[in-house]
Structures are given as structure tokens and as C-alpha cells.
PDB file of N, CA and C in Angstrom:
ATOM      1  N   MET A   1     -65.319 -70.427-214.649  1.00  0.00           N
ATOM      2  CA  MET A   1     -64.001 -70.787-214.033  1.00  0.00           C
ATOM      3  C   MET A   1     -62.871 -70.079-214.784  1.00  0.00           C
ATOM      4  N   MET A   2     -61.940 -69.332-214.353  1.00  0.00           N
ATOM      5  CA  MET A   2     -60.912 -68.644-214.897  1.00  0.00           C
ATOM      6  C   MET A   2     -59.847 -69.647-215.277  1.00  0.00           C
ATOM      7  N   PRO A   3     -59.498 -69.605-216.658  1.00  0.00           N
ATOM      8  CA  PRO A   3     -58.270 -70.564-216.897  1.00  0.00           C
ATOM      9  C   PRO A   3     -57.071 -70.173-216.121  1.00  0.00           C
ATOM     10  N   VAL A   4     -56.122 -71.058-215.878  1.00  0.00           N
ATOM     11  CA  VAL A   4     -54.905 -70.999-215.153  1.00  0.00           C
ATOM     12  C   VAL A   4     -54.100 -70.030-216.171  1.00  0.00           C
ATOM     13  N   CYS A   5     -53.353 -69.131-215.747  1.00  0.00           N
ATOM     14  CA  CYS A   5     -52.566 -68.104-216.610  1.00  0.00           C
ATOM     15  C   CYS A   5     -51.330 -67.808-215.854  1.00  0.00           C
ATOM     16  N   LYS A   6     -50.430 -68.542-216.049  1.00  0.00           N
ATOM     17  CA  LYS A   6     -48.851 -68.344-215.502  1.00  0.00           C
ATOM     18  C   LYS A   6     -48.447 -67.075-216.026  1.00  0.00           C
ATOM     19  N   ARG A   7     -47.749 -66.222-215.208  1.00  0.00           N
ATOM     20  CA  ARG A   7     -47.208 -64.912-215.764  1.00  0.00           C
ATOM     21  C   ARG A   7     -48.286 -63.868-216.018  1.00  0.00           C
ATOM     22  N   CYS A   8     -49.548 -63.973-215.535  1.00  0.00           N
ATOM     23  CA  CYS A   8     -50.451 -62.867-215.726  1.00  0.00           C
ATOM     24  C   CYS A   8     -50.777 -62.355-214.300  1.00  0.00           C
ATOM     25  N   LEU A   9     -50.857 -61.106-214.469  1.00  0.00           N
ATOM     26  CA  LEU A   9     -51.131 -60.127-213.316  1.00  0.00           C
ATOM     27  C   LEU A   9     -52.831 -60.013-213.441  1.00  0.00           C
ATOM     28  N   LEU A  10     -53.427 -59.650-212.451  1.00  0.00           N
ATOM     29  CA  LEU A  10     -54.875 -59.441-212.414  1.00  0.00           C
ATOM     30  C   LEU A  10     -55.095 -58.364-213.627  1.00  0.00           C
ATOM     31  N   ALA A  11     -54.325 -57.448-213.727  1.00  0.00           N
ATOM     32  CA  ALA A  11     -54.552 -56.306-214.600  1.00  0.00           C
ATOM     33  C   ALA A  11     -54.496 -56.923-216.096  1.00  0.00           C
ATOM     34  N   ASP A  12     -53.869 -58.037-216.320  1.00  0.00           N
ATOM     35  CA  ASP A  12     -53.822 -58.559-217.767  1.00  0.00           C
ATOM     36  C   ASP A  12     -55.339 -59.537-217.827  1.00  0.00           C
ATOM     37  N   MET A  13     -55.760 -59.984-216.885  1.00  0.00           N
ATOM     38  CA  MET A  13     -57.055 -60.817-216.886  1.00  0.00           C
ATOM     39  C   MET A  13     -58.355 -60.067-216.537  1.00  0.00           C
ATOM     40  N   ASP A  14     -58.475 -59.252-215.681  1.00  0.00           N
ATOM     41  CA  ASP A  14     -59.604 -58.656-215.060  1.00  0.00           C
ATOM     42  C   ASP A  14     -60.761 -59.635-214.899  1.00  0.00           C
ATOM     43  N   ALA A  15     -60.533 -60.446-214.132  1.00  0.00           N
ATOM     44  CA  ALA A  15     -61.507 -61.685-213.765  1.00  0.00           C
ATOM     45  C   ALA A  15     -62.681 -61.171-212.978  1.00  0.00           C
ATOM     46  N   SER A  16     -63.985 -60.793-213.499  1.00  0.00           N
ATOM     47  CA  SER A  16     -65.033 -60.474-212.769  1.00  0.00           C
ATOM     48  C   SER A  16     -64.962 -59.085-211.941  1.00  0.00           C
ATOM     49  N   GLY A  17     -63.971 -58.301-212.459  1.00  0.00           N
ATOM     50  CA  GLY A  17     -63.854 -57.025-211.797  1.00  0.00           C
ATOM     51  C   GLY A  17     -62.892 -57.090-210.483  1.00  0.00           C
ATOM     52  N   VAL A  18     -62.334 -58.169-210.436  1.00  0.00           N
ATOM     53  CA  VAL A  18     -61.336 -58.231-209.203  1.00  0.00           C
ATOM     54  C   VAL A  18     -60.449 -57.196-209.062  1.00  0.00           C
ATOM     55  N   TYR A  19     -59.617 -56.955-210.340  1.00  0.00           N
ATOM     56  CA  TYR A  19     -58.810 -56.029-210.408  1.00  0.00           C
ATOM     57  C   TYR A  19     -59.309 -54.659-210.168  1.00  0.00           C
ATOM     58  N   ALA A  20     -60.572 -54.213-210.390  1.00  0.00           N
ATOM     59  CA  ALA A  20     -60.976 -52.865-210.245  1.00  0.00           C
ATOM     60  C   ALA A  20     -60.955 -52.640-208.679  1.00  0.00           C
ATOM     61  N   THR A  21     -61.481 -53.916-208.072  1.00  0.00           N
ATOM     62  CA  THR A  21     -61.693 -53.846-206.476  1.00  0.00           C
ATOM     63  C   THR A  21     -60.009 -53.695-205.945  1.00  0.00           C
ATOM     64  N   ILE A  22     -59.122 -54.342-206.403  1.00  0.00           N
ATOM     65  CA  ILE A  22     -57.683 -54.311-205.956  1.00  0.00           C
ATOM     66  C   ILE A  22     -57.096 -52.719-206.161  1.00  0.00           C
ATOM     67  N   LEU A  23     -57.515 -52.179-207.368  1.00  0.00           N
ATOM     68  CA  LEU A  23     -57.124 -50.865-207.591  1.00  0.00           C
ATOM     69  C   LEU A  23     -57.829 -49.924-206.606  1.00  0.00           C
ATOM     70  N   ARG A  24     -59.041 -50.036-206.294  1.00  0.00           N
ATOM     71  CA  ARG A  24     -59.811 -49.335-205.306  1.00  0.00           C
ATOM     72  C   ARG A  24     -59.092 -49.348-203.963  1.00  0.00           C
ATOM     73  N   ARG A  25     -58.630 -50.499-203.569  1.00  0.00           N
ATOM     74  CA  ARG A  25     -58.050 -50.848-202.404  1.00  0.00           C
ATOM     75  C   ARG A  25     -56.793 -50.034-202.235  1.00  0.00           C
ATOM     76  N   ILE A  26     -55.846 -50.137-203.267  1.00  0.00           N
ATOM     77  CA  ILE A  26     -54.749 -49.474-203.558  1.00  0.00           C
ATOM     78  C   ILE A  26     -54.903 -47.756-203.240  1.00  0.00           C
ATOM     79  N   GLU A  27     -55.698 -47.388-203.972  1.00  0.00           N
ATOM     80  CA  GLU A  27     -56.165 -45.912-204.071  1.00  0.00           C
ATOM     81  C   GLU A  27     -56.614 -45.478-202.703  1.00  0.00           C
ATOM     82  N   GLN A  28     -57.220 -46.280-201.887  1.00  0.00           N
ATOM     83  CA  GLN A  28     -57.819 -45.925-200.437  1.00  0.00           C
ATOM     84  C   GLN A  28     -56.532 -46.164-199.443  1.00  0.00           C
ATOM     85  N   MET A  29     -55.504 -46.680-199.882  1.00  0.00           N
ATOM     86  CA  MET A  29     -54.268 -46.892-199.013  1.00  0.00           C
ATOM     87  C   MET A  29     -53.794 -45.514-198.618  1.00  0.00           C
ATOM     88  N   PRO A  30     -53.404 -45.202-197.400  1.00  0.00           N
ATOM     89  CA  PRO A  30     -52.766 -43.857-197.146  1.00  0.00           C
ATOM     90  C   PRO A  30     -51.588 -43.774-197.857  1.00  0.00           C
ATOM     91  N   GLU A  31     -51.217 -42.720-198.313  1.00  0.00           N
ATOM     92  CA  GLU A  31     -50.005 -42.346-199.221  1.00  0.00           C
ATOM     93  C   GLU A  31     -48.796 -42.868-198.810  1.00  0.00           C
ATOM     94  N   GLY A  32     -48.628 -42.514-197.559  1.00  0.00           N
ATOM     95  CA  GLY A  32     -47.377 -43.060-196.612  1.00  0.00           C
ATOM     96  C   GLY A  32     -47.245 -44.428-196.687  1.00  0.00           C
ATOM     97  N   GLN A  33     -48.185 -45.054-196.712  1.00  0.00           N
ATOM     98  CA  GLN A  33     -48.244 -46.748-196.771  1.00  0.00           C
ATOM     99  C   GLN A  33     -47.993 -47.397-198.207  1.00  0.00           C
ATOM    100  N   ARG A  34     -48.080 -46.448-199.180  1.00  0.00           N
ATOM    101  CA  ARG A  34     -47.925 -46.881-200.696  1.00  0.00           C
ATOM    102  C   ARG A  34     -46.504 -46.931-201.050  1.00  0.00           C
ATOM    103  N   ALA A  35     -46.048 -47.916-201.949  1.00  0.00           N
ATOM    104  CA  ALA A  35     -44.882 -47.809-202.528  1.00  0.00           C
ATOM    105  C   ALA A  35     -44.934 -46.790-203.823  1.00  0.00           C
ATOM    106  N   ASP A  36     -43.808 -46.131-203.916  1.00  0.00           N
ATOM    107  CA  ASP A  36     -43.977 -45.134-205.101  1.00  0.00           C
ATOM    108  C   ASP A  36     -44.214 -45.916-206.547  1.00  0.00           C
ATOM    109  N   ALA A  37     -44.366 -45.241-207.567  1.00  0.00           N
ATOM    110  CA  ALA A  37     -44.967 -45.802-208.612  1.00  0.00           C
ATOM    111  C   ALA A  37     -43.614 -46.484-209.381  1.00  0.00           C
ATOM    112  N   GLU A  38     -42.425 -46.240-209.210  1.00  0.00           N
ATOM    113  CA  GLU A  38     -41.350 -46.898-209.775  1.00  0.00           C
ATOM    114  C   GLU A  38     -40.970 -48.180-209.058  1.00  0.00           C
ATOM    115  N   THR A  39     -41.224 -48.186-207.853  1.00  0.00           N
ATOM    116  CA  THR A  39     -40.887 -49.193-206.980  1.00  0.00           C
ATOM    117  C   THR A  39     -42.158 -50.364-207.326  1.00  0.00           C
ATOM    118  N   TYR A  40     -43.402 -49.940-207.440  1.00  0.00           N
ATOM    119  CA  TYR A  40     -44.465 -50.654-207.659  1.00  0.00           C
ATOM    120  C   TYR A  40     -44.434 -51.481-209.016  1.00  0.00           C
ATOM    121  N   ARG A  41     -43.881 -50.681-210.073  1.00  0.00           N
ATOM    122  CA  ARG A  41     -43.546 -51.232-211.408  1.00  0.00           C
ATOM    123  C   ARG A  41     -42.497 -52.297-211.418  1.00  0.00           C
ATOM    124  N   GLN A  42     -41.430 -52.124-210.732  1.00  0.00           N
ATOM    125  CA  GLN A  42     -40.212 -52.936-210.533  1.00  0.00           C
ATOM    126  C   GLN A  42     -40.652 -54.172-209.799  1.00  0.00           C
ATOM    127  N   ARG A  43     -41.490 -54.258-208.805  1.00  0.00           N
ATOM    128  CA  ARG A  43     -41.834 -55.392-208.157  1.00  0.00           C
ATOM    129  C   ARG A  43     -42.834 -56.083-208.976  1.00  0.00           C
ATOM    130  N   LEU A  44     -43.661 -55.357-209.882  1.00  0.00           N
ATOM    131  CA  LEU A  44     -44.601 -56.305-210.593  1.00  0.00           C
ATOM    132  C   LEU A  44     -43.776 -57.161-211.704  1.00  0.00           C
ATOM    133  N   GLU A  45     -42.932 -56.435-212.016  1.00  0.00           N
ATOM    134  CA  GLU A  45     -42.030 -57.026-213.247  1.00  0.00           C
ATOM    135  C   GLU A  45     -41.262 -58.311-212.608  1.00  0.00           C
ATOM    136  N   CYS A  46     -40.687 -58.137-211.292  1.00  0.00           N
ATOM    137  CA  CYS A  46     -40.104 -59.326-210.676  1.00  0.00           C
ATOM    138  C   CYS A  46     -41.240 -60.278-210.602  1.00  0.00           C
ATOM    139  N   CYS A  47     -42.296 -60.129-210.249  1.00  0.00           N
ATOM    140  CA  CYS A  47     -43.479 -61.066-209.966  1.00  0.00           C
ATOM    141  C   CYS A  47     -43.623 -61.707-211.432  1.00  0.00           C
ATOM    142  N   ARG A  48     -43.736 -60.839-212.503  1.00  0.00           N
ATOM    143  CA  ARG A  48     -44.125 -61.529-213.686  1.00  0.00           C
ATOM    144  C   ARG A  48     -43.124 -62.616-213.984  1.00  0.00           C
ATOM    145  N   GLY A  49     -41.846 -62.603-213.696  1.00  0.00           N
ATOM    146  CA  GLY A  49     -40.924 -63.605-214.035  1.00  0.00           C
ATOM    147  C   GLY A  49     -40.847 -64.596-213.063  1.00  0.00           C
ATOM    148  N   CYS A  50     -41.743 -64.765-211.987  1.00  0.00           N
ATOM    149  CA  CYS A  50     -41.581 -65.802-210.854  1.00  0.00           C
ATOM    150  C   CYS A  50     -42.590 -67.025-211.210  1.00  0.00           C
ATOM    151  N   ASP A  51     -42.148 -68.211-210.877  1.00  0.00           N
ATOM    152  CA  ASP A  51     -42.874 -69.177-211.041  1.00  0.00           C
ATOM    153  C   ASP A  51     -44.078 -69.389-210.136  1.00  0.00           C
ATOM    154  N   ALA A  52     -43.933 -68.653-209.042  1.00  0.00           N
ATOM    155  CA  ALA A  52     -45.074 -68.620-208.070  1.00  0.00           C
ATOM    156  C   ALA A  52     -46.331 -67.901-208.495  1.00  0.00           C
ATOM    157  N   LEU A  53     -46.078 -67.064-209.619  1.00  0.00           N
ATOM    158  CA  LEU A  53     -47.489 -66.179-210.191  1.00  0.00           C
ATOM    159  C   LEU A  53     -48.291 -67.038-210.953  1.00  0.00           C
ATOM    160  N   VAL A  54     -49.555 -67.149-210.415  1.00  0.00           N
ATOM    161  CA  VAL A  54     -50.610 -67.826-211.080  1.00  0.00           C
ATOM    162  C   VAL A  54     -51.927 -67.121-210.974  1.00  0.00           C
ATOM    163  N   ASN A  55     -52.369 -66.822-212.056  1.00  0.00           N
ATOM    164  CA  ASN A  55     -53.701 -66.031-212.167  1.00  0.00           C
ATOM    165  C   ASN A  55     -53.634 -64.833-211.331  1.00  0.00           C
ATOM    166  N   GLY A  56     -52.626 -64.075-211.092  1.00  0.00           N
ATOM    167  CA  GLY A  56     -52.598 -62.852-210.403  1.00  0.00           C
ATOM    168  C   GLY A  56     -52.337 -62.935-208.878  1.00  0.00           C
ATOM    169  N   LEU A  57     -52.208 -64.319-208.493  1.00  0.00           N
ATOM    170  CA  LEU A  57     -51.847 -64.569-207.286  1.00  0.00           C
ATOM    171  C   LEU A  57     -50.534 -65.257-206.969  1.00  0.00           C
ATOM    172  N   CYS A  58     -50.125 -64.972-205.770  1.00  0.00           N
ATOM    173  CA  CYS A  58     -48.731 -65.659-205.414  1.00  0.00           C
ATOM    174  C   CYS A  58     -48.965 -66.930-204.806  1.00  0.00           C
ATOM    175  N   SER A  59     -48.452 -68.172-205.482  1.00  0.00           N
ATOM    176  CA  SER A  59     -48.936 -69.521-205.014  1.00  0.00           C
ATOM    177  C   SER A  59     -48.131 -69.677-203.602  1.00  0.00           C
ATOM    178  N   ILE A  60     -46.899 -68.895-203.200  1.00  0.00           N
ATOM    179  CA  ILE A  60     -46.372 -69.011-201.947  1.00  0.00           C
ATOM    180  C   ILE A  60     -47.212 -68.592-200.804  1.00  0.00           C
ATOM    181  N   CYS A  61     -47.720 -67.351-200.874  1.00  0.00           N
ATOM    182  CA  CYS A  61     -48.568 -66.739-199.735  1.00  0.00           C
ATOM    183  C   CYS A  61     -49.964 -66.501-200.123  1.00  0.00           C
ATOM    184  N   GLY A  62     -50.590 -66.741-201.198  1.00  0.00           N
ATOM    185  CA  GLY A  62     -51.934 -66.510-201.458  1.00  0.00           C
ATOM    186  C   GLY A  62     -52.428 -65.070-201.684  1.00  0.00           C
ATOM    187  N   CYS A  63     -51.320 -64.164-201.690  1.00  0.00           N
ATOM    188  CA  CYS A  63     -51.748 -62.775-201.889  1.00  0.00           C
ATOM    189  C   CYS A  63     -52.157 -62.426-203.331  1.00  0.00           C
ATOM    190  N   PHE A  64     -52.836 -61.282-203.418  1.00  0.00           N
ATOM    191  CA  PHE A  64     -53.107 -60.711-204.718  1.00  0.00           C
ATOM    192  C   PHE A  64     -51.800 -59.789-204.894  1.00  0.00           C
ATOM    193  N   ILE A  65     -51.210 -60.021-205.932  1.00  0.00           N
ATOM    194  CA  ILE A  65     -49.680 -59.672-206.290  1.00  0.00           C
ATOM    195  C   ILE A  65     -49.600 -58.011-206.496  1.00  0.00           C
ATOM    196  N   GLU A  66     -50.772 -57.537-207.144  1.00  0.00           N
ATOM    197  CA  GLU A  66     -50.737 -56.078-207.219  1.00  0.00           C
ATOM    198  C   GLU A  66     -50.886 -55.355-205.915  1.00  0.00           C
ATOM    199  N   LEU A  67     -51.591 -55.912-204.986  1.00  0.00           N
ATOM    200  CA  LEU A  67     -51.951 -55.241-203.556  1.00  0.00           C
ATOM    201  C   LEU A  67     -50.827 -55.520-202.679  1.00  0.00           C
ATOM    202  N   ARG A  68     -50.134 -56.684-202.827  1.00  0.00           N
ATOM    203  CA  ARG A  68     -48.790 -56.746-202.018  1.00  0.00           C
ATOM    204  C   ARG A  68     -47.821 -55.775-202.477  1.00  0.00           C
ATOM    205  N   ALA A  69     -47.658 -55.706-203.697  1.00  0.00           N
ATOM    206  CA  ALA A  69     -46.507 -54.909-204.275  1.00  0.00           C
ATOM    207  C   ALA A  69     -46.691 -53.434-204.003  1.00  0.00           C
ATOM    208  N   ALA A  70     -47.875 -52.892-203.926  1.00  0.00           N
ATOM    209  CA  ALA A  70     -48.272 -51.626-203.581  1.00  0.00           C
ATOM    210  C   ALA A  70     -48.048 -51.102-202.221  1.00  0.00           C
ATOM    211  N   LYS A  71     -47.934 -52.122-201.332  1.00  0.00           N
ATOM    212  CA  LYS A  71     -47.651 -51.764-199.789  1.00  0.00           C
ATOM    213  C   LYS A  71     -46.223 -51.406-199.679  1.00  0.00           C
ATOM    214  N   ALA A  72     -45.748 -50.235-199.347  1.00  0.00           N
ATOM    215  CA  ALA A  72     -44.396 -49.952-199.208  1.00  0.00           C
ATOM    216  C   ALA A  72     -43.593 -50.820-198.224  1.00  0.00           C
ATOM    217  N   GLU A  73     -44.249 -51.383-197.094  1.00  0.00           N
ATOM    218  CA  GLU A  73     -43.340 -51.958-196.156  1.00  0.00           C
ATOM    219  C   GLU A  73     -43.343 -53.543-196.391  1.00  0.00           C
ATOM    220  N   MET A  74     -44.194 -54.061-197.429  1.00  0.00           N
ATOM    221  CA  MET A  74     -44.173 -55.395-197.793  1.00  0.00           C
ATOM    222  C   MET A  74     -42.898 -55.879-198.579  1.00  0.00           C
ATOM    223  N   HIS A  75     -42.640 -57.038-198.532  1.00  0.00           N
ATOM    224  CA  HIS A  75     -41.575 -57.885-199.224  1.00  0.00           C
ATOM    225  C   HIS A  75     -41.954 -59.020-199.994  1.00  0.00           C
ATOM    226  N   CYS A  76     -41.369 -59.479-200.946  1.00  0.00           N
ATOM    227  CA  CYS A  76     -41.653 -60.744-201.770  1.00  0.00           C
ATOM    228  C   CYS A  76     -41.485 -61.937-200.522  1.00  0.00           C
ATOM    229  N   PRO A  77     -42.607 -62.723-200.557  1.00  0.00           N
ATOM    230  CA  PRO A  77     -42.496 -63.952-199.958  1.00  0.00           C
ATOM    231  C   PRO A  77     -41.728 -65.187-200.174  1.00  0.00           C
ATOM    232  N   HIS A  78     -41.128 -65.146-201.352  1.00  0.00           N
ATOM    233  CA  HIS A  78     -40.372 -66.165-202.061  1.00  0.00           C
ATOM    234  C   HIS A  78     -39.054 -66.335-201.173  1.00  0.00           C
ATOM    235  N   PRO A  79     -38.683 -67.578-200.863  1.00  0.00           N
ATOM    236  CA  PRO A  79     -37.562 -67.775-200.207  1.00  0.00           C
ATOM    237  C   PRO A  79     -36.286 -67.087-200.596  1.00  0.00           C
ATOM    238  N   GLU A  80     -36.347 -66.589-201.859  1.00  0.00           N
ATOM    239  CA  GLU A  80     -35.096 -65.915-202.368  1.00  0.00           C
ATOM    240  C   GLU A  80     -35.403 -64.384-202.267  1.00  0.00           C
ATOM    241  N   ARG A  81     -36.574 -63.946-201.945  1.00  0.00           N
ATOM    242  CA  ARG A  81     -36.912 -62.640-201.692  1.00  0.00           C
ATOM    243  C   ARG A  81     -36.514 -61.855-202.899  1.00  0.00           C
ATOM    244  N   PHE A  82     -37.236 -61.723-203.988  1.00  0.00           N
ATOM    245  CA  PHE A  82     -36.850 -61.068-205.214  1.00  0.00           C
ATOM    246  C   PHE A  82     -36.966 -59.565-205.081  1.00  0.00           C
ATOM    247  N   TRP A  83     -37.702 -59.097-204.090  1.00  0.00           N
ATOM    248  CA  TRP A  83     -37.930 -57.660-203.977  1.00  0.00           C
ATOM    249  C   TRP A  83     -38.133 -57.366-202.548  1.00  0.00           C
TER     250      TRP A  83
END
């Protein structure tokens, strides 16, 4: 069982190769659907400071943070919409 890690993204934990799978999914995403590198980085920084981040997942919607942040048309599910 993975320990609870607030403020950790999957990249920080790499639990059983899940992060590698997420990276493959991002790489396979059509370029026009992906957020640019700077937007992706800024989104992840916002998520790192959010209380809803637990073990690389958003506790509000249940998504993998890195995957959601990589999609250009997505937004933060938090009621205050941090990004």
C-alpha cells in the first residue's frame, strides 16, 4: 500500500510504474490537444499547493493530476478553479 503523500505528484512517487503509464498517455495525446510545456508546468505548481492533491490524485474529481494538466482544454475542478 502506498503511503498518503499530500503535495506529491505521481512524478514524485512513481508508484508501481503508474507515472510511466501516465507519461505514455500524454505522449500519445495529439499535439493539438496537449497544453504547452509552460502551461503544464504552471498547472502542476498550482496543484502542488492545493489541499485536494493526495497521492498524485485530485480528491475533488479523482483524476490523475499530471494527465488532467496535460490536456489543453481541461480546467481545475476545484470550486475556485486555480487554473
